N, C-alpha and C. Protein backbone atom coordinates (compact mmCIF):
# COMPACT_ATOMS: atom_id res chain seq x y z
N MET A 1 11.20 -8.94 2.68
CA MET A 1 10.19 -9.23 3.69
C MET A 1 9.65 -7.93 4.27
N LEU A 2 8.35 -7.90 4.52
CA LEU A 2 7.72 -6.72 5.08
C LEU A 2 8.04 -6.58 6.56
N ASN A 3 8.24 -5.35 6.99
CA ASN A 3 8.48 -5.05 8.40
C ASN A 3 7.29 -4.25 8.91
N VAL A 4 6.17 -4.95 9.16
CA VAL A 4 4.96 -4.25 9.59
C VAL A 4 5.12 -3.62 10.97
N LYS A 5 6.11 -4.04 11.73
CA LYS A 5 6.35 -3.45 13.05
C LYS A 5 6.90 -2.03 12.94
N LYS A 6 7.29 -1.63 11.75
CA LYS A 6 7.80 -0.28 11.51
C LYS A 6 6.75 0.77 11.87
N ILE A 7 5.47 0.42 11.72
CA ILE A 7 4.43 1.40 12.03
C ILE A 7 4.46 1.79 13.51
N LYS A 8 4.86 0.87 14.37
CA LYS A 8 4.99 1.20 15.79
C LYS A 8 6.09 2.24 15.99
N ASP A 9 7.23 2.04 15.35
CA ASP A 9 8.34 2.99 15.47
C ASP A 9 7.92 4.38 15.00
N ILE A 10 7.21 4.42 13.89
CA ILE A 10 6.77 5.71 13.34
C ILE A 10 5.83 6.40 14.31
N ARG A 11 4.85 5.64 14.83
CA ARG A 11 3.90 6.21 15.78
C ARG A 11 4.61 6.74 17.02
N GLU A 12 5.51 5.93 17.58
CA GLU A 12 6.22 6.33 18.78
C GLU A 12 7.14 7.52 18.54
N ASP A 13 7.74 7.60 17.35
CA ASP A 13 8.59 8.74 17.01
C ASP A 13 7.82 10.06 17.06
N HIS A 14 6.51 9.97 16.87
CA HIS A 14 5.65 11.16 16.89
C HIS A 14 4.89 11.31 18.21
N ASP A 15 5.27 10.50 19.22
CA ASP A 15 4.65 10.56 20.54
C ASP A 15 3.12 10.48 20.49
N ILE A 16 2.64 9.54 19.70
CA ILE A 16 1.20 9.30 19.58
C ILE A 16 0.89 7.96 20.25
N THR A 17 -0.15 7.94 21.06
CA THR A 17 -0.55 6.69 21.71
C THR A 17 -1.25 5.78 20.70
N GLN A 18 -1.31 4.50 21.07
CA GLN A 18 -2.05 3.56 20.21
C GLN A 18 -3.52 3.99 20.10
N GLN A 19 -4.08 4.44 21.21
CA GLN A 19 -5.49 4.85 21.19
C GLN A 19 -5.71 6.01 20.24
N LYS A 20 -4.84 7.01 20.31
CA LYS A 20 -5.00 8.16 19.40
C LYS A 20 -4.83 7.73 17.95
N MET A 21 -3.85 6.86 17.68
CA MET A 21 -3.64 6.39 16.31
C MET A 21 -4.84 5.59 15.83
N ALA A 22 -5.39 4.76 16.69
CA ALA A 22 -6.58 3.99 16.35
C ALA A 22 -7.75 4.92 16.03
N ASP A 23 -7.89 5.98 16.83
CA ASP A 23 -8.95 6.97 16.58
C ASP A 23 -8.75 7.65 15.23
N ILE A 24 -7.51 8.01 14.92
CA ILE A 24 -7.20 8.67 13.65
C ILE A 24 -7.58 7.76 12.48
N LEU A 25 -7.31 6.46 12.63
CA LEU A 25 -7.57 5.50 11.55
C LEU A 25 -8.99 4.94 11.59
N GLY A 26 -9.75 5.27 12.63
CA GLY A 26 -11.14 4.83 12.72
C GLY A 26 -11.30 3.35 13.05
N VAL A 27 -10.38 2.84 13.89
CA VAL A 27 -10.45 1.44 14.30
C VAL A 27 -10.34 1.36 15.82
N LYS A 28 -10.57 0.17 16.36
CA LYS A 28 -10.40 -0.04 17.80
C LYS A 28 -8.91 -0.11 18.12
N ARG A 29 -8.57 0.27 19.36
CA ARG A 29 -7.18 0.22 19.77
C ARG A 29 -6.64 -1.21 19.70
N SER A 30 -7.45 -2.17 20.06
CA SER A 30 -7.00 -3.57 20.02
C SER A 30 -6.69 -4.01 18.59
N THR A 31 -7.45 -3.54 17.64
CA THR A 31 -7.19 -3.86 16.23
C THR A 31 -5.87 -3.26 15.80
N TYR A 32 -5.69 -1.99 16.14
CA TYR A 32 -4.43 -1.32 15.79
C TYR A 32 -3.24 -2.01 16.44
N SER A 33 -3.39 -2.40 17.69
CA SER A 33 -2.32 -3.08 18.42
C SER A 33 -1.88 -4.36 17.72
N LEU A 34 -2.83 -5.11 17.21
CA LEU A 34 -2.52 -6.36 16.50
C LEU A 34 -1.71 -6.09 15.23
N TRP A 35 -1.96 -4.95 14.59
CA TRP A 35 -1.16 -4.58 13.40
C TRP A 35 0.28 -4.31 13.81
N GLU A 36 0.45 -3.57 14.90
CA GLU A 36 1.80 -3.21 15.33
C GLU A 36 2.65 -4.42 15.72
N ILE A 37 2.04 -5.42 16.31
CA ILE A 37 2.83 -6.57 16.73
C ILE A 37 2.86 -7.67 15.67
N GLY A 38 2.20 -7.42 14.55
CA GLY A 38 2.30 -8.34 13.41
C GLY A 38 1.39 -9.55 13.49
N ILE A 39 0.44 -9.56 14.40
CA ILE A 39 -0.50 -10.68 14.47
C ILE A 39 -1.52 -10.58 13.35
N SER A 40 -1.99 -9.37 13.08
CA SER A 40 -2.88 -9.09 11.96
C SER A 40 -2.14 -8.17 11.00
N THR A 41 -2.54 -8.24 9.74
CA THR A 41 -1.93 -7.37 8.74
C THR A 41 -2.83 -6.17 8.52
N ILE A 42 -2.25 -5.00 8.56
CA ILE A 42 -3.00 -3.77 8.36
C ILE A 42 -3.58 -3.75 6.94
N PRO A 43 -4.88 -3.48 6.80
CA PRO A 43 -5.47 -3.39 5.47
C PRO A 43 -4.88 -2.19 4.70
N LEU A 44 -4.85 -2.32 3.39
CA LEU A 44 -4.25 -1.30 2.53
C LEU A 44 -4.89 0.08 2.76
N LYS A 45 -6.19 0.14 2.89
CA LYS A 45 -6.86 1.43 3.10
C LYS A 45 -6.34 2.09 4.37
N ASN A 46 -6.23 1.33 5.46
CA ASN A 46 -5.74 1.88 6.72
C ASN A 46 -4.27 2.26 6.62
N LEU A 47 -3.49 1.46 5.91
CA LEU A 47 -2.08 1.78 5.73
C LEU A 47 -1.93 3.08 4.95
N CYS A 48 -2.76 3.28 3.93
CA CYS A 48 -2.70 4.53 3.17
C CYS A 48 -3.08 5.72 4.04
N ASP A 49 -4.09 5.56 4.89
CA ASP A 49 -4.46 6.63 5.82
C ASP A 49 -3.30 6.93 6.78
N PHE A 50 -2.64 5.88 7.23
CA PHE A 50 -1.49 6.01 8.14
C PHE A 50 -0.37 6.80 7.47
N VAL A 51 0.01 6.42 6.26
CA VAL A 51 1.13 7.11 5.59
C VAL A 51 0.76 8.53 5.22
N ASP A 52 -0.50 8.75 4.86
CA ASP A 52 -0.95 10.11 4.56
C ASP A 52 -0.88 11.00 5.80
N TYR A 53 -1.27 10.45 6.96
CA TYR A 53 -1.24 11.21 8.20
C TYR A 53 0.19 11.65 8.53
N PHE A 54 1.14 10.74 8.39
CA PHE A 54 2.52 11.04 8.74
C PHE A 54 3.33 11.60 7.57
N GLU A 55 2.70 11.68 6.40
CA GLU A 55 3.37 12.18 5.20
C GLU A 55 4.65 11.41 4.91
N ILE A 56 4.49 10.09 4.86
CA ILE A 56 5.60 9.18 4.53
C ILE A 56 5.15 8.27 3.39
N SER A 57 6.09 7.54 2.81
CA SER A 57 5.72 6.64 1.72
C SER A 57 5.28 5.28 2.25
N LEU A 58 4.52 4.58 1.44
CA LEU A 58 4.12 3.21 1.78
C LEU A 58 5.34 2.34 2.01
N ASP A 59 6.32 2.48 1.15
CA ASP A 59 7.53 1.65 1.23
C ASP A 59 8.29 1.90 2.53
N TYR A 60 8.34 3.14 2.97
CA TYR A 60 9.00 3.46 4.23
C TYR A 60 8.23 2.86 5.41
N ALA A 61 6.90 2.99 5.39
CA ALA A 61 6.08 2.47 6.49
C ALA A 61 6.20 0.96 6.63
N LEU A 62 6.49 0.27 5.54
CA LEU A 62 6.62 -1.18 5.57
C LEU A 62 8.07 -1.63 5.69
N GLY A 63 8.97 -0.68 5.89
CA GLY A 63 10.38 -1.03 6.08
C GLY A 63 11.08 -1.51 4.82
N LEU A 64 10.55 -1.11 3.65
CA LEU A 64 11.15 -1.55 2.39
C LEU A 64 12.25 -0.63 1.89
N HIS A 65 12.25 0.61 2.35
CA HIS A 65 13.38 1.51 2.09
C HIS A 65 13.45 2.58 3.16
N LYS A 66 14.53 3.32 3.16
CA LYS A 66 14.78 4.28 4.23
C LYS A 66 14.34 5.70 3.92
N ASN A 67 13.86 5.95 2.71
CA ASN A 67 13.43 7.29 2.31
C ASN A 67 11.99 7.50 2.77
N ARG A 68 11.79 8.41 3.72
CA ARG A 68 10.46 8.63 4.27
C ARG A 68 9.68 9.71 3.55
N SER A 69 10.29 10.41 2.63
CA SER A 69 9.66 11.55 1.96
C SER A 69 8.44 11.14 1.13
N THR A 70 7.42 11.99 1.16
CA THR A 70 6.26 11.81 0.29
C THR A 70 6.07 13.02 -0.60
N SER A 71 7.12 13.76 -0.84
CA SER A 71 6.96 14.96 -1.66
C SER A 71 6.45 14.61 -3.05
N THR A 72 6.58 13.35 -3.44
CA THR A 72 6.08 12.94 -4.75
C THR A 72 4.94 11.93 -4.61
N CYS A 73 4.24 11.95 -3.47
CA CYS A 73 3.17 10.98 -3.25
C CYS A 73 1.82 11.68 -3.15
N GLN A 74 0.81 11.03 -3.74
CA GLN A 74 -0.55 11.53 -3.68
C GLN A 74 -1.22 11.06 -2.39
N LYS A 75 -2.15 11.85 -1.92
CA LYS A 75 -2.94 11.48 -0.74
C LYS A 75 -4.07 10.56 -1.17
N GLY A 76 -4.53 9.75 -0.23
CA GLY A 76 -5.65 8.87 -0.48
C GLY A 76 -5.26 7.60 -1.23
N MET A 77 -6.26 6.79 -1.50
CA MET A 77 -6.03 5.53 -2.21
C MET A 77 -7.16 5.33 -3.19
N ASP A 78 -6.81 5.19 -4.46
CA ASP A 78 -7.79 4.94 -5.51
C ASP A 78 -7.61 3.51 -5.98
N PHE A 79 -8.53 2.63 -5.60
CA PHE A 79 -8.40 1.21 -5.93
C PHE A 79 -8.57 0.93 -7.42
N LYS A 80 -9.26 1.82 -8.11
CA LYS A 80 -9.36 1.67 -9.57
C LYS A 80 -8.00 1.90 -10.21
N VAL A 81 -7.26 2.90 -9.73
CA VAL A 81 -5.91 3.17 -10.25
C VAL A 81 -5.00 2.00 -9.93
N LEU A 82 -5.08 1.48 -8.71
CA LEU A 82 -4.30 0.31 -8.35
C LEU A 82 -4.60 -0.84 -9.30
N GLY A 83 -5.88 -1.08 -9.55
CA GLY A 83 -6.28 -2.15 -10.46
C GLY A 83 -5.76 -1.96 -11.87
N GLU A 84 -5.85 -0.71 -12.36
CA GLU A 84 -5.33 -0.40 -13.70
C GLU A 84 -3.82 -0.64 -13.75
N ASN A 85 -3.12 -0.28 -12.69
CA ASN A 85 -1.67 -0.50 -12.64
C ASN A 85 -1.33 -1.99 -12.63
N ILE A 86 -2.09 -2.76 -11.86
CA ILE A 86 -1.86 -4.21 -11.83
C ILE A 86 -2.04 -4.78 -13.23
N LYS A 87 -3.11 -4.40 -13.89
CA LYS A 87 -3.39 -4.92 -15.24
C LYS A 87 -2.29 -4.50 -16.22
N ARG A 88 -1.96 -3.21 -16.20
CA ARG A 88 -0.94 -2.70 -17.14
C ARG A 88 0.40 -3.39 -16.92
N MET A 89 0.82 -3.52 -15.67
CA MET A 89 2.12 -4.14 -15.38
C MET A 89 2.11 -5.63 -15.69
N ARG A 90 0.98 -6.28 -15.46
CA ARG A 90 0.85 -7.69 -15.79
C ARG A 90 1.03 -7.90 -17.28
N ILE A 91 0.36 -7.06 -18.07
CA ILE A 91 0.45 -7.16 -19.52
C ILE A 91 1.86 -6.84 -20.00
N GLU A 92 2.47 -5.79 -19.42
CA GLU A 92 3.85 -5.43 -19.79
C GLU A 92 4.83 -6.58 -19.53
N LYS A 93 4.56 -7.38 -18.49
CA LYS A 93 5.42 -8.52 -18.16
C LYS A 93 5.05 -9.76 -18.97
N GLY A 94 4.01 -9.65 -19.80
CA GLY A 94 3.58 -10.78 -20.62
C GLY A 94 2.94 -11.90 -19.81
N LEU A 95 2.30 -11.53 -18.70
CA LEU A 95 1.68 -12.53 -17.83
C LEU A 95 0.16 -12.54 -18.04
N SER A 96 -0.41 -13.72 -17.95
CA SER A 96 -1.87 -13.83 -17.99
C SER A 96 -2.41 -13.65 -16.58
N GLN A 97 -3.72 -13.46 -16.51
CA GLN A 97 -4.35 -13.37 -15.19
C GLN A 97 -4.14 -14.67 -14.43
N MET A 98 -4.16 -15.79 -15.14
CA MET A 98 -3.96 -17.09 -14.49
C MET A 98 -2.54 -17.20 -13.95
N ASP A 99 -1.54 -16.69 -14.69
CA ASP A 99 -0.15 -16.71 -14.21
C ASP A 99 -0.04 -15.97 -12.87
N VAL A 100 -0.64 -14.79 -12.82
CA VAL A 100 -0.58 -13.98 -11.60
C VAL A 100 -1.36 -14.66 -10.48
N ALA A 101 -2.52 -15.21 -10.82
CA ALA A 101 -3.34 -15.90 -9.82
C ALA A 101 -2.55 -17.05 -9.18
N LYS A 102 -1.86 -17.83 -10.01
CA LYS A 102 -1.07 -18.95 -9.47
C LYS A 102 0.05 -18.44 -8.57
N SER A 103 0.70 -17.35 -8.97
CA SER A 103 1.79 -16.78 -8.16
C SER A 103 1.30 -16.33 -6.79
N LEU A 104 0.08 -15.81 -6.74
CA LEU A 104 -0.47 -15.30 -5.49
C LEU A 104 -1.27 -16.34 -4.71
N GLY A 105 -1.58 -17.45 -5.35
CA GLY A 105 -2.38 -18.47 -4.69
C GLY A 105 -3.85 -18.08 -4.56
N VAL A 106 -4.34 -17.34 -5.56
CA VAL A 106 -5.74 -16.92 -5.58
C VAL A 106 -6.36 -17.37 -6.90
N SER A 107 -7.65 -17.16 -7.05
CA SER A 107 -8.33 -17.53 -8.29
C SER A 107 -8.13 -16.46 -9.35
N GLN A 108 -8.35 -16.84 -10.60
CA GLN A 108 -8.30 -15.87 -11.69
C GLN A 108 -9.38 -14.82 -11.49
N ALA A 109 -10.53 -15.24 -10.99
CA ALA A 109 -11.62 -14.30 -10.73
C ALA A 109 -11.19 -13.23 -9.73
N CYS A 110 -10.35 -13.61 -8.79
CA CYS A 110 -9.84 -12.65 -7.81
C CYS A 110 -8.96 -11.60 -8.51
N ILE A 111 -8.13 -12.04 -9.44
CA ILE A 111 -7.28 -11.11 -10.20
C ILE A 111 -8.15 -10.16 -11.00
N VAL A 112 -9.21 -10.67 -11.61
CA VAL A 112 -10.14 -9.81 -12.37
C VAL A 112 -10.69 -8.73 -11.44
N ARG A 113 -11.08 -9.12 -10.23
CA ARG A 113 -11.64 -8.15 -9.28
C ARG A 113 -10.59 -7.14 -8.82
N TYR A 114 -9.34 -7.59 -8.62
CA TYR A 114 -8.26 -6.66 -8.29
C TYR A 114 -8.11 -5.64 -9.41
N GLU A 115 -8.05 -6.13 -10.65
CA GLU A 115 -7.80 -5.26 -11.80
C GLU A 115 -8.94 -4.27 -12.05
N LYS A 116 -10.14 -4.62 -11.66
CA LYS A 116 -11.29 -3.72 -11.82
C LYS A 116 -11.47 -2.80 -10.61
N GLY A 117 -10.65 -3.00 -9.58
CA GLY A 117 -10.76 -2.19 -8.38
C GLY A 117 -11.99 -2.51 -7.56
N ILE A 118 -12.52 -3.72 -7.74
CA ILE A 118 -13.74 -4.12 -7.04
C ILE A 118 -13.44 -4.56 -5.62
N ILE A 119 -12.33 -5.27 -5.43
CA ILE A 119 -11.94 -5.70 -4.09
C ILE A 119 -10.53 -5.19 -3.79
N CYS A 120 -10.27 -5.03 -2.52
CA CYS A 120 -8.96 -4.55 -2.08
C CYS A 120 -7.99 -5.72 -1.97
N ILE A 121 -6.82 -5.54 -2.49
CA ILE A 121 -5.78 -6.56 -2.41
C ILE A 121 -5.12 -6.51 -1.04
N SER A 122 -4.73 -7.66 -0.53
CA SER A 122 -4.06 -7.71 0.77
C SER A 122 -2.64 -7.16 0.64
N ILE A 123 -2.10 -6.70 1.74
CA ILE A 123 -0.73 -6.19 1.77
C ILE A 123 0.24 -7.29 1.33
N ASN A 124 0.01 -8.51 1.76
CA ASN A 124 0.92 -9.61 1.39
C ASN A 124 0.89 -9.88 -0.11
N ASN A 125 -0.29 -9.87 -0.71
CA ASN A 125 -0.38 -10.07 -2.16
C ASN A 125 0.18 -8.86 -2.92
N LEU A 126 -0.02 -7.68 -2.37
CA LEU A 126 0.55 -6.49 -2.98
C LEU A 126 2.07 -6.55 -2.96
N TYR A 127 2.61 -7.03 -1.86
CA TYR A 127 4.07 -7.21 -1.74
C TYR A 127 4.56 -8.20 -2.79
N ALA A 128 3.85 -9.31 -2.95
CA ALA A 128 4.23 -10.31 -3.95
C ALA A 128 4.19 -9.70 -5.35
N LEU A 129 3.16 -8.90 -5.64
CA LEU A 129 3.08 -8.26 -6.96
C LEU A 129 4.21 -7.26 -7.17
N SER A 130 4.55 -6.52 -6.13
CA SER A 130 5.64 -5.56 -6.28
C SER A 130 6.95 -6.28 -6.61
N LYS A 131 7.12 -7.48 -6.07
CA LYS A 131 8.30 -8.29 -6.39
C LYS A 131 8.22 -8.81 -7.83
N ILE A 132 7.07 -9.31 -8.23
CA ILE A 132 6.89 -9.83 -9.60
C ILE A 132 7.11 -8.73 -10.62
N PHE A 133 6.52 -7.56 -10.37
CA PHE A 133 6.61 -6.45 -11.31
C PHE A 133 7.87 -5.60 -11.14
N LYS A 134 8.60 -5.85 -10.04
CA LYS A 134 9.82 -5.10 -9.73
C LYS A 134 9.57 -3.59 -9.65
N VAL A 135 8.54 -3.24 -8.86
CA VAL A 135 8.20 -1.83 -8.62
C VAL A 135 7.93 -1.64 -7.13
N SER A 136 7.95 -0.41 -6.69
CA SER A 136 7.66 -0.09 -5.29
C SER A 136 6.16 -0.15 -5.03
N PHE A 137 5.80 -0.26 -3.75
CA PHE A 137 4.40 -0.20 -3.34
C PHE A 137 3.80 1.13 -3.81
N THR A 138 4.54 2.20 -3.61
CA THR A 138 4.07 3.53 -3.95
C THR A 138 3.70 3.62 -5.42
N THR A 139 4.56 3.07 -6.28
CA THR A 139 4.29 3.08 -7.72
C THR A 139 3.11 2.19 -8.06
N LEU A 140 3.10 0.99 -7.53
CA LEU A 140 2.03 0.04 -7.82
C LEU A 140 0.67 0.58 -7.39
N CYS A 141 0.63 1.24 -6.25
CA CYS A 141 -0.63 1.78 -5.74
C CYS A 141 -1.05 3.07 -6.43
N GLY A 142 -0.19 3.62 -7.27
CA GLY A 142 -0.54 4.85 -7.97
C GLY A 142 -0.49 6.07 -7.08
N LYS A 143 0.30 6.01 -6.01
CA LYS A 143 0.43 7.15 -5.11
C LYS A 143 1.59 8.06 -5.49
N GLU A 144 2.33 7.65 -6.51
CA GLU A 144 3.46 8.44 -6.96
C GLU A 144 2.97 9.47 -7.98
N ILE A 145 3.31 10.72 -7.76
CA ILE A 145 2.91 11.77 -8.68
C ILE A 145 3.90 11.80 -9.84
N ARG A 146 3.37 11.73 -11.04
CA ARG A 146 4.24 11.85 -12.21
C ARG A 146 4.75 13.27 -12.29
N HIS A 147 5.87 13.49 -12.95
CA HIS A 147 6.52 14.80 -13.03
C HIS A 147 5.56 15.87 -13.54
N ASP A 148 4.76 15.57 -14.58
CA ASP A 148 3.85 16.56 -15.14
C ASP A 148 2.73 16.91 -14.14
N GLU A 149 2.29 15.96 -13.32
CA GLU A 149 1.28 16.25 -12.30
C GLU A 149 1.86 17.14 -11.21
N LYS A 150 3.13 16.91 -10.85
CA LYS A 150 3.77 17.71 -9.82
C LYS A 150 3.88 19.17 -10.27
N ILE A 151 4.22 19.39 -11.52
CA ILE A 151 4.32 20.75 -12.05
C ILE A 151 2.95 21.44 -11.98
N LEU A 152 1.87 20.72 -12.34
CA LEU A 152 0.54 21.30 -12.27
C LEU A 152 0.14 21.66 -10.86
N GLN A 153 0.54 20.85 -9.88
CA GLN A 153 0.20 21.14 -8.48
C GLN A 153 0.93 22.38 -7.97
N GLU A 154 2.12 22.63 -8.51
CA GLU A 154 2.91 23.77 -8.05
C GLU A 154 2.44 25.08 -8.65
N VAL A 155 1.69 25.02 -9.74
CA VAL A 155 1.24 26.23 -10.43
C VAL A 155 0.08 26.87 -9.72
């Protein structure tokens, strides 16, 4: 289960007000507040901006593991990469788009749009996919730097 309230702990650990965090993420304070108390779900783009700001992993921000390091994480969010990962992992698991659509309670057309990076997937559906594919959010979103990319960055 996702622990979206973890973002409050992270913000408070850095002595940042809700208003300042909202400004950093480019949203209203009231919108940010609803994310912290779990009434609304933080959109993936804003969550990626949040983890990039604090240099933590997506999985840590959502309370899925205790490792906060992002030394192997890329900045930003590329929805085309996310879509390619969804498609590749779906095929590796031998699942059709319809199989995945039924698991998520969405249409097959929605899966097509996810896989093409046309629309952003919700955090809840992303969580369900990470369970189906048995991978972390960080891996699924393509924010994990492969070993060969890390070597190139260090050169």
